[in-house]
């Protein structure tokens, strides 16, 4: 039997093994370095996002407080609430440095303020039909039902959806009668009382109907009259039985030139002498407002919507919603930000 002869590795083989080992080492070091750099980059991104979130929270909270102060000062002045008052003037997108005194010793803070934009708006929620008016102690409120029916007809919306909405609100209303509560308890579907416009889908409205109604209706925690000084022509037409749409437009034109101070002036300004008004359905003052704010920091825009109630000199916040949208241009106020 022949013996197997083992030859020593040649110089070329040794050189090849060394090169292969070096390449594996380089790949390993590169992989570890890239993982470390990614983790470091991720940490910087998270820190920057958290810093932007905190900054936007502080600024938007300050903007909310400022808006509440404006509404409080308006209450101090007294009189009717109308669209020529300071609270009704929207804040167009402006650099944050316009409002904040940047610390000149901190160049980074100054640069951040110069690249940030703030926009805002206060909307009278009593310029809209209030969904809470539709039912009263578990029964249908006829004047409010007629107003919503006129609005549905004007907007060409399905009348059966209004019927479904009213029926579900009767079951969901917190102060519903015992009979209605008993029916809701035994039924397979017990609706919840909506808290905002989007939640009207819970009580029978389709998505297209909700979008069509969005500029004209609101959901407030209590029944409220419509402020005839701030309502649109569509809402005026809906809530005043004697009005045609032309009468509503005539009143809007007249009241924009000279706001209403009493309900008695409506007949004169509109030219409709048979308009029947009541303090339960109509007013020239408001308690509920929506405060919208939009702040752009770097490449994102934070939008916030707050509902406030003004009682005398006290302006309290009822709800706040906030959302973030990617954006590279100065912020604009949207009617329905994704919150």
C-alpha atoms as a PDB file:
ATOM      1  CA  UNK A   1       0.000   0.000   0.000  1.00  0.00           C
ATOM      2  CA  UNK A   2       1.283   3.341  -0.991  1.00  0.00           C
ATOM      3  CA  UNK A   3       1.652   6.014   1.580  1.00  0.00           C
ATOM      4  CA  UNK A   4      -0.270   9.232   1.032  1.00  0.00           C
ATOM      5  CA  UNK A   5       2.140  12.040   0.626  1.00  0.00           C
ATOM      6  CA  UNK A   6       1.112  15.469   2.056  1.00  0.00           C
ATOM      7  CA  UNK A   7       2.643  18.408   0.345  1.00  0.00           C
ATOM      8  CA  UNK A   8       3.151  21.689   2.175  1.00  0.00           C
ATOM      9  CA  UNK A   9       1.027  24.648   0.932  1.00  0.00           C
ATOM     10  CA  UNK A  10       2.647  26.653  -1.744  1.00  0.00           C
ATOM     11  CA  UNK A  11       3.402  30.346  -1.417  1.00  0.00           C
ATOM     12  CA  UNK A  12       0.556  31.166  -3.865  1.00  0.00           C
ATOM     13  CA  UNK A  13      -1.959  29.245  -1.765  1.00  0.00           C
ATOM     14  CA  UNK A  14      -0.823  31.007   1.394  1.00  0.00           C
ATOM     15  CA  UNK A  15      -1.147  34.377  -0.314  1.00  0.00           C
ATOM     16  CA  UNK A  16      -4.697  33.528  -1.512  1.00  0.00           C
ATOM     17  CA  UNK A  17      -5.786  32.475   1.967  1.00  0.00           C
ATOM     18  CA  UNK A  18      -4.409  35.705   3.421  1.00  0.00           C
ATOM     19  CA  UNK A  19      -6.271  37.788   0.832  1.00  0.00           C
ATOM     20  CA  UNK A  20      -9.525  35.906   1.512  1.00  0.00           C
ATOM     21  CA  UNK A  21      -9.129  36.428   5.259  1.00  0.00           C
ATOM     22  CA  UNK A  22      -8.474  40.119   4.745  1.00  0.00           C
ATOM     23  CA  UNK A  23     -11.552  40.489   2.546  1.00  0.00           C
ATOM     24  CA  UNK A  24     -13.743  38.735   5.113  1.00  0.00           C
ATOM     25  CA  UNK A  25     -12.346  41.008   7.805  1.00  0.00           C
ATOM     26  CA  UNK A  26     -13.098  44.111   5.716  1.00  0.00           C
ATOM     27  CA  UNK A  27     -16.661  42.935   5.050  1.00  0.00           C
ATOM     28  CA  UNK A  28     -17.199  42.232   8.745  1.00  0.00           C
ATOM     29  CA  UNK A  29     -15.829  45.624   9.804  1.00  0.00           C
ATOM     30  CA  UNK A  30     -17.924  47.392   7.143  1.00  0.00           C
ATOM     31  CA  UNK A  31     -21.062  45.597   8.294  1.00  0.00           C
ATOM     32  CA  UNK A  32     -20.448  46.518  11.908  1.00  0.00           C
ATOM     33  CA  UNK A  33     -19.645  50.107  10.968  1.00  0.00           C
ATOM     34  CA  UNK A  34     -22.784  50.474   8.837  1.00  0.00           C
ATOM     35  CA  UNK A  35     -24.940  49.024  11.634  1.00  0.00           C
ATOM     36  CA  UNK A  36     -23.394  51.457  14.099  1.00  0.00           C
ATOM     37  CA  UNK A  37     -23.912  54.412  11.751  1.00  0.00           C
ATOM     38  CA  UNK A  38     -27.542  53.390  11.130  1.00  0.00           C
ATOM     39  CA  UNK A  39     -28.226  53.169  14.852  1.00  0.00           C
ATOM     40  CA  UNK A  40     -26.592  56.560  15.371  1.00  0.00           C
ATOM     41  CA  UNK A  41     -28.616  58.091  12.498  1.00  0.00           C
ATOM     42  CA  UNK A  42     -31.797  56.536  13.849  1.00  0.00           C
ATOM     43  CA  UNK A  43     -31.088  57.943  17.290  1.00  0.00           C
ATOM     44  CA  UNK A  44     -30.557  61.425  15.836  1.00  0.00           C
ATOM     45  CA  UNK A  45     -33.812  61.161  13.861  1.00  0.00           C
ATOM     46  CA  UNK A  46     -35.792  60.055  16.908  1.00  0.00           C
ATOM     47  CA  UNK A  47     -34.293  62.858  18.983  1.00  0.00           C
ATOM     48  CA  UNK A  48     -35.071  65.427  16.277  1.00  0.00           C
ATOM     49  CA  UNK A  49     -38.656  64.163  15.958  1.00  0.00           C
ATOM     50  CA  UNK A  50     -39.144  64.313  19.723  1.00  0.00           C
ATOM     51  CA  UNK A  51     -37.690  67.818  19.839  1.00  0.00           C
ATOM     52  CA  UNK A  52     -40.009  68.952  17.026  1.00  0.00           C
ATOM     53  CA  UNK A  53     -42.983  67.342  18.757  1.00  0.00           C
ATOM     54  CA  UNK A  54     -42.248  69.146  22.014  1.00  0.00           C
ATOM     55  CA  UNK A  55     -41.635  72.456  20.257  1.00  0.00           C
ATOM     56  CA  UNK A  56     -44.877  72.180  18.286  1.00  0.00           C
ATOM     57  CA  UNK A  57     -46.771  71.243  21.438  1.00  0.00           C
ATOM     58  CA  UNK A  58     -45.488  74.319  23.280  1.00  0.00           C
ATOM     59  CA  UNK A  59     -46.190  76.674  20.375  1.00  0.00           C
ATOM     60  CA  UNK A  60     -49.679  75.321  19.629  1.00  0.00           C
ATOM     61  CA  UNK A  61     -50.572  75.395  23.313  1.00  0.00           C
ATOM     62  CA  UNK A  62     -49.436  79.010  23.407  1.00  0.00           C
ATOM     63  CA  UNK A  63     -51.492  79.744  20.281  1.00  0.00           C
ATOM     64  CA  UNK A  64     -54.546  78.179  21.937  1.00  0.00           C
ATOM     65  CA  UNK A  65     -54.053  80.305  25.045  1.00  0.00           C
ATOM     66  CA  UNK A  66     -53.697  83.411  22.873  1.00  0.00           C
ATOM     67  CA  UNK A  67     -56.932  82.591  21.026  1.00  0.00           C
ATOM     68  CA  UNK A  68     -58.732  82.069  24.322  1.00  0.00           C
ATOM     69  CA  UNK A  69     -57.460  85.457  25.459  1.00  0.00           C
ATOM     70  CA  UNK A  70     -58.862  87.070  22.290  1.00  0.00           C
ATOM     71  CA  UNK A  71     -62.266  85.479  22.938  1.00  0.00           C
ATOM     72  CA  UNK A  72     -62.145  86.589  26.567  1.00  0.00           C
ATOM     73  CA  UNK A  73     -61.385  90.165  25.567  1.00  0.00           C
ATOM     74  CA  UNK A  74     -64.213  90.034  23.036  1.00  0.00           C
ATOM     75  CA  UNK A  75     -66.577  88.987  25.835  1.00  0.00           C
ATOM     76  CA  UNK A  76     -65.327  91.919  27.898  1.00  0.00           C
ATOM     77  CA  UNK A  77     -66.365  94.283  25.100  1.00  0.00           C
ATOM     78  CA  UNK A  78     -69.866  92.753  25.041  1.00  0.00           C
ATOM     79  CA  UNK A  79     -72.374  93.056  22.213  1.00  0.00           C
ATOM     80  CA  UNK A  80     -73.159  90.667  19.375  1.00  0.00           C
ATOM     81  CA  UNK A  81     -70.632  88.251  17.878  1.00  0.00           C
ATOM     82  CA  UNK A  82     -70.018  88.900  14.188  1.00  0.00           C
ATOM     83  CA  UNK A  83     -67.416  88.401  11.456  1.00  0.00           C
ATOM     84  CA  UNK A  84     -65.929  91.915  11.685  1.00  0.00           C
ATOM     85  CA  UNK A  85     -64.514  91.278  15.172  1.00  0.00           C
ATOM     86  CA  UNK A  86     -60.806  90.538  15.773  1.00  0.00           C
ATOM     87  CA  UNK A  87     -61.387  86.868  16.642  1.00  0.00           C
ATOM     88  CA  UNK A  88     -62.848  86.242  13.159  1.00  0.00           C
ATOM     89  CA  UNK A  89     -59.710  87.424  11.303  1.00  0.00           C
ATOM     90  CA  UNK A  90     -57.618  84.359  10.347  1.00  0.00           C
ATOM     91  CA  UNK A  91     -53.862  84.311  10.898  1.00  0.00           C
ATOM     92  CA  UNK A  92     -52.229  83.686   7.540  1.00  0.00           C
ATOM     93  CA  UNK A  93     -49.021  81.579   7.507  1.00  0.00           C
ATOM     94  CA  UNK A  94     -46.244  83.658   9.079  1.00  0.00           C
ATOM     95  CA  UNK A  95     -42.729  82.924  10.264  1.00  0.00           C
ATOM     96  CA  UNK A  96     -42.572  81.955  13.894  1.00  0.00           C
ATOM     97  CA  UNK A  97     -39.814  84.509  14.408  1.00  0.00           C
ATOM     98  CA  UNK A  98     -42.515  87.140  13.889  1.00  0.00           C
ATOM     99  CA  UNK A  99     -44.030  86.159  17.228  1.00  0.00           C
ATOM    100  CA  UNK A 100     -41.014  84.849  19.154  1.00  0.00           C
ATOM    101  CA  UNK A 101     -38.007  86.935  20.157  1.00  0.00           C
ATOM    102  CA  UNK A 102     -35.197  84.626  19.095  1.00  0.00           C
ATOM    103  CA  UNK A 103     -32.157  84.471  21.325  1.00  0.00           C
ATOM    104  CA  UNK A 104     -29.428  86.042  19.211  1.00  0.00           C
ATOM    105  CA  UNK A 105     -26.783  84.143  21.184  1.00  0.00           C
ATOM    106  CA  UNK A 106     -28.309  80.874  20.015  1.00  0.00           C
ATOM    107  CA  UNK A 107     -27.991  80.737  16.248  1.00  0.00           C
ATOM    108  CA  UNK A 108     -29.647  77.322  16.021  1.00  0.00           C
ATOM    109  CA  UNK A 109     -32.787  78.540  17.824  1.00  0.00           C
ATOM    110  CA  UNK A 110     -32.927  81.607  15.584  1.00  0.00           C
ATOM    111  CA  UNK A 111     -32.611  79.471  12.460  1.00  0.00           C
ATOM    112  CA  UNK A 112     -35.379  77.140  13.681  1.00  0.00           C
ATOM    113  CA  UNK A 113     -37.713  80.078  14.318  1.00  0.00           C
ATOM    114  CA  UNK A 114     -36.966  81.567  10.901  1.00  0.00           C
ATOM    115  CA  UNK A 115     -37.786  78.281   9.165  1.00  0.00           C
ATOM    116  CA  UNK A 116     -41.009  77.627  11.100  1.00  0.00           C
ATOM    117  CA  UNK A 117     -44.430  78.896  10.049  1.00  0.00           C
ATOM    118  CA  UNK A 118     -47.589  79.351  12.113  1.00  0.00           C
ATOM    119  CA  UNK A 119     -51.183  79.738  10.865  1.00  0.00           C
ATOM    120  CA  UNK A 120     -54.423  79.922  12.818  1.00  0.00           C
ATOM    121  CA  UNK A 121     -58.139  80.529  12.666  1.00  0.00           C
ATOM    122  CA  UNK A 122     -61.123  80.824  15.034  1.00  0.00           C
ATOM    123  CA  UNK A 123     -64.446  79.514  13.727  1.00  0.00           C
ATOM    124  CA  UNK A 124     -67.828  80.165  15.294  1.00  0.00           C
ATOM    125  CA  UNK A 125     -69.376  76.717  15.712  1.00  0.00           C
ATOM    126  CA  UNK A 126     -72.776  78.282  16.262  1.00  0.00           C
ATOM    127  CA  UNK A 127     -72.679  79.397  12.650  1.00  0.00           C
ATOM    128  CA  UNK A 128     -73.720  75.803  11.885  1.00  0.00           C
ATOM    129  CA  UNK A 129     -76.656  73.521  12.582  1.00  0.00           C
ATOM    130  CA  UNK A 130     -76.034  71.563  15.770  1.00  0.00           C
ATOM    131  CA  UNK A 131     -76.733  67.823  15.559  1.00  0.00           C
ATOM    132  CA  UNK A 132     -77.536  67.855  19.290  1.00  0.00           C
ATOM    133  CA  UNK A 133     -80.624  69.955  18.505  1.00  0.00           C
ATOM    134  CA  UNK A 134     -82.293  67.102  16.638  1.00  0.00           C
ATOM    135  CA  UNK A 135     -83.554  65.273  19.715  1.00  0.00           C
ATOM    136  CA  UNK A 136     -84.839  66.441  23.067  1.00  0.00           C
ATOM    137  CA  UNK A 137     -85.260  63.951  25.920  1.00  0.00           C
ATOM    138  CA  UNK A 138     -85.540  61.064  23.492  1.00  0.00           C
ATOM    139  CA  UNK A 139     -88.072  62.758  21.209  1.00  0.00           C
ATOM    140  CA  UNK A 140     -87.643  64.533  17.878  1.00  0.00           C
ATOM    141  CA  UNK A 141     -87.198  68.314  18.053  1.00  0.00           C
ATOM    142  CA  UNK A 142     -89.459  69.415  15.193  1.00  0.00           C
ATOM    143  CA  UNK A 143     -87.905  72.844  14.417  1.00  0.00           C
ATOM    144  CA  UNK A 144     -84.416  71.322  14.236  1.00  0.00           C
ATOM    145  CA  UNK A 145     -85.722  68.421  12.173  1.00  0.00           C
ATOM    146  CA  UNK A 146     -87.205  70.868   9.654  1.00  0.00           C
ATOM    147  CA  UNK A 147     -83.921  72.793   9.483  1.00  0.00           C
ATOM    148  CA  UNK A 148     -81.911  69.654   8.772  1.00  0.00           C
ATOM    149  CA  UNK A 149     -84.505  68.476   6.248  1.00  0.00           C
ATOM    150  CA  UNK A 150     -84.218  71.783   4.364  1.00  0.00           C
ATOM    151  CA  UNK A 151     -80.423  71.510   4.390  1.00  0.00           C
ATOM    152  CA  UNK A 152     -80.526  67.903   3.142  1.00  0.00           C
ATOM    153  CA  UNK A 153     -82.870  68.950   0.339  1.00  0.00           C
ATOM    154  CA  UNK A 154     -80.680  71.921  -0.599  1.00  0.00           C
ATOM    155  CA  UNK A 155     -77.570  69.716  -0.774  1.00  0.00           C
ATOM    156  CA  UNK A 156     -79.402  66.883  -2.583  1.00  0.00           C
ATOM    157  CA  UNK A 157     -78.664  64.406   0.201  1.00  0.00           C
ATOM    158  CA  UNK A 158     -80.733  61.237   0.859  1.00  0.00           C
ATOM    159  CA  UNK A 159     -83.678  62.042   3.128  1.00  0.00           C
ATOM    160  CA  UNK A 160     -83.682  58.484   4.499  1.00  0.00           C
ATOM    161  CA  UNK A 161     -80.236  59.094   6.024  1.00  0.00           C
ATOM    162  CA  UNK A 162     -81.661  61.993   8.046  1.00  0.00           C
ATOM    163  CA  UNK A 163     -84.410  59.693   9.329  1.00  0.00           C
ATOM    164  CA  UNK A 164     -81.828  57.089  10.307  1.00  0.00           C
ATOM    165  CA  UNK A 165     -79.677  59.748  11.969  1.00  0.00           C
ATOM    166  CA  UNK A 166     -82.595  61.043  14.046  1.00  0.00           C
ATOM    167  CA  UNK A 167     -83.718  57.562  15.104  1.00  0.00           C
ATOM    168  CA  UNK A 168     -80.224  56.582  16.212  1.00  0.00           C
ATOM    169  CA  UNK A 169     -79.727  59.851  18.079  1.00  0.00           C
ATOM    170  CA  UNK A 170     -82.964  59.210  19.986  1.00  0.00           C
ATOM    171  CA  UNK A 171     -81.517  55.905  21.177  1.00  0.00           C
ATOM    172  CA  UNK A 172     -78.043  57.275  21.872  1.00  0.00           C
ATOM    173  CA  UNK A 173     -79.006  60.503  23.646  1.00  0.00           C
ATOM    174  CA  UNK A 174     -77.802  60.521  27.290  1.00  0.00           C
ATOM    175  CA  UNK A 175     -81.168  61.902  28.525  1.00  0.00           C
ATOM    176  CA  UNK A 176     -83.317  59.591  26.422  1.00  0.00           C
ATOM    177  CA  UNK A 177     -86.617  58.377  27.843  1.00  0.00           C
ATOM    178  CA  UNK A 178     -86.846  55.041  29.644  1.00  0.00           C
ATOM    179  CA  UNK A 179     -88.812  53.621  26.709  1.00  0.00           C
ATOM    180  CA  UNK A 180     -86.070  54.508  24.248  1.00  0.00           C
ATOM    181  CA  UNK A 181     -83.350  53.159  26.548  1.00  0.00           C
ATOM    182  CA  UNK A 182     -85.267  49.903  26.973  1.00  0.00           C
ATOM    183  CA  UNK A 183     -85.548  49.524  23.202  1.00  0.00           C
ATOM    184  CA  UNK A 184     -81.824  50.244  22.766  1.00  0.00           C
ATOM    185  CA  UNK A 185     -80.932  47.706  25.450  1.00  0.00           C
ATOM    186  CA  UNK A 186     -82.925  44.925  23.733  1.00  0.00           C
ATOM    187  CA  UNK A 187     -81.831  45.741  20.185  1.00  0.00           C
ATOM    188  CA  UNK A 188     -78.745  44.262  18.560  1.00  0.00           C
ATOM    189  CA  UNK A 189     -77.429  47.730  17.709  1.00  0.00           C
ATOM    190  CA  UNK A 190     -77.096  50.356  20.406  1.00  0.00           C
ATOM    191  CA  UNK A 191     -75.491  53.486  18.873  1.00  0.00           C
ATOM    192  CA  UNK A 192     -73.088  55.725  20.726  1.00  0.00           C
ATOM    193  CA  UNK A 193     -73.569  59.472  20.893  1.00  0.00           C
ATOM    194  CA  UNK A 194     -71.193  61.115  18.361  1.00  0.00           C
ATOM    195  CA  UNK A 195     -68.554  63.547  19.590  1.00  0.00           C
ATOM    196  CA  UNK A 196     -67.580  65.118  16.254  1.00  0.00           C
ATOM    197  CA  UNK A 197     -68.569  65.248  12.594  1.00  0.00           C
ATOM    198  CA  UNK A 198     -66.590  62.158  11.566  1.00  0.00           C
ATOM    199  CA  UNK A 199     -68.427  60.059  14.131  1.00  0.00           C
ATOM    200  CA  UNK A 200     -71.776  60.782  12.458  1.00  0.00           C
ATOM    201  CA  UNK A 201     -71.011  57.633  10.472  1.00  0.00           C
ATOM    202  CA  UNK A 202     -71.783  55.763  13.707  1.00  0.00           C
ATOM    203  CA  UNK A 203     -75.380  56.952  13.584  1.00  0.00           C
ATOM    204  CA  UNK A 204     -76.313  56.279   9.990  1.00  0.00           C
ATOM    205  CA  UNK A 205     -74.681  58.813   7.667  1.00  0.00           C
ATOM    206  CA  UNK A 206     -72.621  57.702   4.682  1.00  0.00           C
ATOM    207  CA  UNK A 207     -69.139  59.097   4.051  1.00  0.00           C
ATOM    208  CA  UNK A 208     -70.251  61.303   1.095  1.00  0.00           C
ATOM    209  CA  UNK A 209     -73.074  62.755   3.201  1.00  0.00           C
ATOM    210  CA  UNK A 210     -70.710  63.511   6.087  1.00  0.00           C
ATOM    211  CA  UNK A 211     -68.342  65.350   3.732  1.00  0.00           C
ATOM    212  CA  UNK A 212     -71.188  67.340   2.169  1.00  0.00           C
ATOM    213  CA  UNK A 213     -72.480  68.367   5.614  1.00  0.00           C
ATOM    214  CA  UNK A 214     -69.082  69.189   7.123  1.00  0.00           C
ATOM    215  CA  UNK A 215     -69.127  72.979   6.387  1.00  0.00           C
ATOM    216  CA  UNK A 216     -72.699  73.366   7.652  1.00  0.00           C
ATOM    217  CA  UNK A 217     -73.164  71.200  10.763  1.00  0.00           C
ATOM    218  CA  UNK A 218     -71.436  70.615  14.070  1.00  0.00           C
ATOM    219  CA  UNK A 219     -71.722  68.337  17.104  1.00  0.00           C
ATOM    220  CA  UNK A 220     -71.733  70.209  20.412  1.00  0.00           C
ATOM    221  CA  UNK A 221     -72.245  68.948  23.972  1.00  0.00           C
ATOM    222  CA  UNK A 222     -75.520  70.858  24.365  1.00  0.00           C
ATOM    223  CA  UNK A 223     -78.304  72.365  22.254  1.00  0.00           C
ATOM    224  CA  UNK A 224     -77.427  75.752  20.747  1.00  0.00           C
ATOM    225  CA  UNK A 225     -79.120  78.392  18.547  1.00  0.00           C
ATOM    226  CA  UNK A 226     -77.665  79.474  15.204  1.00  0.00           C
ATOM    227  CA  UNK A 227     -75.791  82.786  15.235  1.00  0.00           C
ATOM    228  CA  UNK A 228     -77.359  84.692  12.336  1.00  0.00           C
ATOM    229  CA  UNK A 229     -74.350  87.049  12.209  1.00  0.00           C
ATOM    230  CA  UNK A 230     -71.908  84.291  11.277  1.00  0.00           C
ATOM    231  CA  UNK A 231     -73.999  81.590   9.571  1.00  0.00           C
ATOM    232  CA  UNK A 232     -73.622  80.898   5.855  1.00  0.00           C
ATOM    233  CA  UNK A 233     -76.475  81.494   3.433  1.00  0.00           C
ATOM    234  CA  UNK A 234     -77.149  77.741   3.330  1.00  0.00           C
ATOM    235  CA  UNK A 235     -77.522  77.528   7.111  1.00  0.00           C
ATOM    236  CA  UNK A 236     -79.691  80.670   7.214  1.00  0.00           C
ATOM    237  CA  UNK A 237     -81.968  79.180   4.579  1.00  0.00           C
ATOM    238  CA  UNK A 238     -82.185  75.918   6.519  1.00  0.00           C
ATOM    239  CA  UNK A 239     -82.974  77.385   9.938  1.00  0.00           C
ATOM    240  CA  UNK A 240     -85.473  80.109   8.907  1.00  0.00           C
ATOM    241  CA  UNK A 241     -88.619  78.500   7.491  1.00  0.00           C
ATOM    242  CA  UNK A 242     -89.851  81.594   5.643  1.00  0.00           C
ATOM    243  CA  UNK A 243     -86.580  82.092   3.760  1.00  0.00           C
ATOM    244  CA  UNK A 244     -85.787  81.211   0.188  1.00  0.00           C
ATOM    245  CA  UNK A 245     -82.105  80.877  -0.673  1.00  0.00           C
ATOM    246  CA  UNK A 246     -82.175  84.357  -2.239  1.00  0.00           C
ATOM    247  CA  UNK A 247     -83.458  85.800   1.042  1.00  0.00           C
ATOM    248  CA  UNK A 248     -80.594  84.152   2.868  1.00  0.00           C
ATOM    249  CA  UNK A 249     -78.028  85.629   0.476  1.00  0.00           C
ATOM    250  CA  UNK A 250     -79.675  89.043   0.846  1.00  0.00           C
ATOM    251  CA  UNK A 251     -79.354  88.830   4.630  1.00  0.00           C
ATOM    252  CA  UNK A 252     -75.688  87.777   4.385  1.00  0.00           C
ATOM    253  CA  UNK A 253     -74.902  90.811   2.216  1.00  0.00           C
ATOM    254  CA  UNK A 254     -76.779  93.181   4.534  1.00  0.00           C
ATOM    255  CA  UNK A 255     -75.361  91.813   7.779  1.00  0.00           C
ATOM    256  CA  UNK A 256     -71.797  91.897   6.428  1.00  0.00           C
ATOM    257  CA  UNK A 257     -72.235  95.627   5.871  1.00  0.00           C
ATOM    258  CA  UNK A 258     -73.905  96.153   9.254  1.00  0.00           C
ATOM    259  CA  UNK A 259     -74.037  93.274  11.705  1.00  0.00           C
ATOM    260  CA  UNK A 260     -77.189  92.286  13.552  1.00  0.00           C
ATOM    261  CA  UNK A 261     -77.510  93.472  17.134  1.00  0.00           C
ATOM    262  CA  UNK A 262     -80.958  91.961  17.775  1.00  0.00           C
ATOM    263  CA  UNK A 263     -83.142  89.316  16.137  1.00  0.00           C
ATOM    264  CA  UNK A 264     -85.740  91.982  15.370  1.00  0.00           C
ATOM    265  CA  UNK A 265     -83.422  93.442  12.714  1.00  0.00           C
ATOM    266  CA  UNK A 266     -83.540  90.262  10.606  1.00  0.00           C
ATOM    267  CA  UNK A 267     -86.883  91.018   8.997  1.00  0.00           C
ATOM    268  CA  UNK A 268     -85.812  94.533   8.055  1.00  0.00           C
ATOM    269  CA  UNK A 269     -82.416  93.578   6.615  1.00  0.00           C
ATOM    270  CA  UNK A 270     -83.675  90.521   4.762  1.00  0.00           C
ATOM    271  CA  UNK A 271     -86.835  92.168   3.412  1.00  0.00           C
ATOM    272  CA  UNK A 272     -88.787  89.140   4.632  1.00  0.00           C
ATOM    273  CA  UNK A 273     -91.343  90.507   7.078  1.00  0.00           C
ATOM    274  CA  UNK A 274     -92.968  87.143   7.867  1.00  0.00           C
ATOM    275  CA  UNK A 275     -89.811  85.420   9.122  1.00  0.00           C
ATOM    276  CA  UNK A 276     -90.585  83.785  12.466  1.00  0.00           C
ATOM    277  CA  UNK A 277     -87.562  83.727  14.795  1.00  0.00           C
ATOM    278  CA  UNK A 278     -87.147  82.303  18.290  1.00  0.00           C
ATOM    279  CA  UNK A 279     -84.394  82.532  20.874  1.00  0.00           C
ATOM    280  CA  UNK A 280     -84.284  78.717  21.053  1.00  0.00           C
ATOM    281  CA  UNK A 281     -83.264  78.471  17.389  1.00  0.00           C
ATOM    282  CA  UNK A 282     -81.694  81.846  16.538  1.00  0.00           C
ATOM    283  CA  UNK A 283     -79.243  84.243  18.147  1.00  0.00           C
ATOM    284  CA  UNK A 284     -76.706  86.996  17.470  1.00  0.00           C
ATOM    285  CA  UNK A 285     -74.205  85.680  20.044  1.00  0.00           C
ATOM    286  CA  UNK A 286     -72.082  82.554  20.381  1.00  0.00           C
ATOM    287  CA  UNK A 287     -70.602  80.392  23.120  1.00  0.00           C
ATOM    288  CA  UNK A 288     -68.811  77.642  21.184  1.00  0.00           C
ATOM    289  CA  UNK A 289     -65.790  78.174  18.949  1.00  0.00           C
ATOM    290  CA  UNK A 290     -63.259  75.993  17.148  1.00  0.00           C
ATOM    291  CA  UNK A 291     -59.619  77.094  17.265  1.00  0.00           C
ATOM    292  CA  UNK A 292     -57.433  75.738  14.465  1.00  0.00           C
ATOM    293  CA  UNK A 293     -53.669  75.940  14.467  1.00  0.00           C
ATOM    294  CA  UNK A 294     -51.046  74.717  11.992  1.00  0.00           C
ATOM    295  CA  UNK A 295     -47.309  74.799  12.683  1.00  0.00           C
ATOM    296  CA  UNK A 296     -44.642  73.790  10.188  1.00  0.00           C
ATOM    297  CA  UNK A 297     -41.263  72.800  11.591  1.00  0.00           C
ATOM    298  CA  UNK A 298     -38.730  71.581   9.041  1.00  0.00           C
ATOM    299  CA  UNK A 299     -40.511  69.074   6.770  1.00  0.00           C
ATOM    300  CA  UNK A 300     -43.610  68.369   8.807  1.00  0.00           C
ATOM    301  CA  UNK A 301     -46.748  70.295   9.694  1.00  0.00           C
ATOM    302  CA  UNK A 302     -48.590  69.752  12.965  1.00  0.00           C
ATOM    303  CA  UNK A 303     -52.273  70.668  12.876  1.00  0.00           C
ATOM    304  CA  UNK A 304     -54.501  71.041  15.916  1.00  0.00           C
ATOM    305  CA  UNK A 305     -58.219  71.610  16.385  1.00  0.00           C
ATOM    306  CA  UNK A 306     -59.622  72.679  19.750  1.00  0.00           C
ATOM    307  CA  UNK A 307     -63.236  73.276  20.729  1.00  0.00           C
ATOM    308  CA  UNK A 308     -63.760  75.895  23.444  1.00  0.00           C
ATOM    309  CA  UNK A 309     -66.819  77.124  25.307  1.00  0.00           C
ATOM    310  CA  UNK A 310     -67.118  80.720  26.455  1.00  0.00           C
ATOM    311  CA  UNK A 311     -69.287  81.414  29.474  1.00  0.00           C
ATOM    312  CA  UNK A 312     -69.019  85.032  30.488  1.00  0.00           C
ATOM    313  CA  UNK A 313     -65.300  85.752  30.908  1.00  0.00           C
ATOM    314  CA  UNK A 314     -64.400  82.083  31.269  1.00  0.00           C
ATOM    315  CA  UNK A 315     -63.186  80.280  28.136  1.00  0.00           C
ATOM    316  CA  UNK A 316     -62.650  76.563  28.747  1.00  0.00           C
ATOM    317  CA  UNK A 317     -61.270  73.933  26.398  1.00  0.00           C
ATOM    318  CA  UNK A 318     -63.653  71.052  25.707  1.00  0.00           C
ATOM    319  CA  UNK A 319     -61.599  68.938  23.307  1.00  0.00           C
ATOM    320  CA  UNK A 320     -58.285  68.946  21.433  1.00  0.00           C
ATOM    321  CA  UNK A 321     -57.166  66.896  18.434  1.00  0.00           C
ATOM    322  CA  UNK A 322     -53.728  66.942  16.832  1.00  0.00           C
ATOM    323  CA  UNK A 323     -52.228  65.352  13.750  1.00  0.00           C
ATOM    324  CA  UNK A 324     -49.024  65.448  11.687  1.00  0.00           C
ATOM    325  CA  UNK A 325     -48.853  65.705   7.908  1.00  0.00           C
ATOM    326  CA  UNK A 326     -45.693  65.758   5.728  1.00  0.00           C
ATOM    327  CA  UNK A 327     -45.287  69.148   4.061  1.00  0.00           C
ATOM    328  CA  UNK A 328     -42.558  71.271   2.526  1.00  0.00           C
ATOM    329  CA  UNK A 329     -44.504  74.516   1.944  1.00  0.00           C
ATOM    330  CA  UNK A 330     -45.851  76.960   4.546  1.00  0.00           C
ATOM    331  CA  UNK A 331     -48.902  75.490   6.300  1.00  0.00           C
ATOM    332  CA  UNK A 332     -52.451  76.141   5.194  1.00  0.00           C
ATOM    333  CA  UNK A 333     -55.602  75.627   7.235  1.00  0.00           C
ATOM    334  CA  UNK A 334     -57.601  72.596   6.111  1.00  0.00           C
ATOM    335  CA  UNK A 335     -61.198  71.841   6.979  1.00  0.00           C
ATOM    336  CA  UNK A 336     -60.505  68.221   7.843  1.00  0.00           C
ATOM    337  CA  UNK A 337     -56.894  67.422   8.711  1.00  0.00           C
ATOM    338  CA  UNK A 338     -56.138  63.778   9.296  1.00  0.00           C
ATOM    339  CA  UNK A 339     -55.985  63.729  13.099  1.00  0.00           C
END
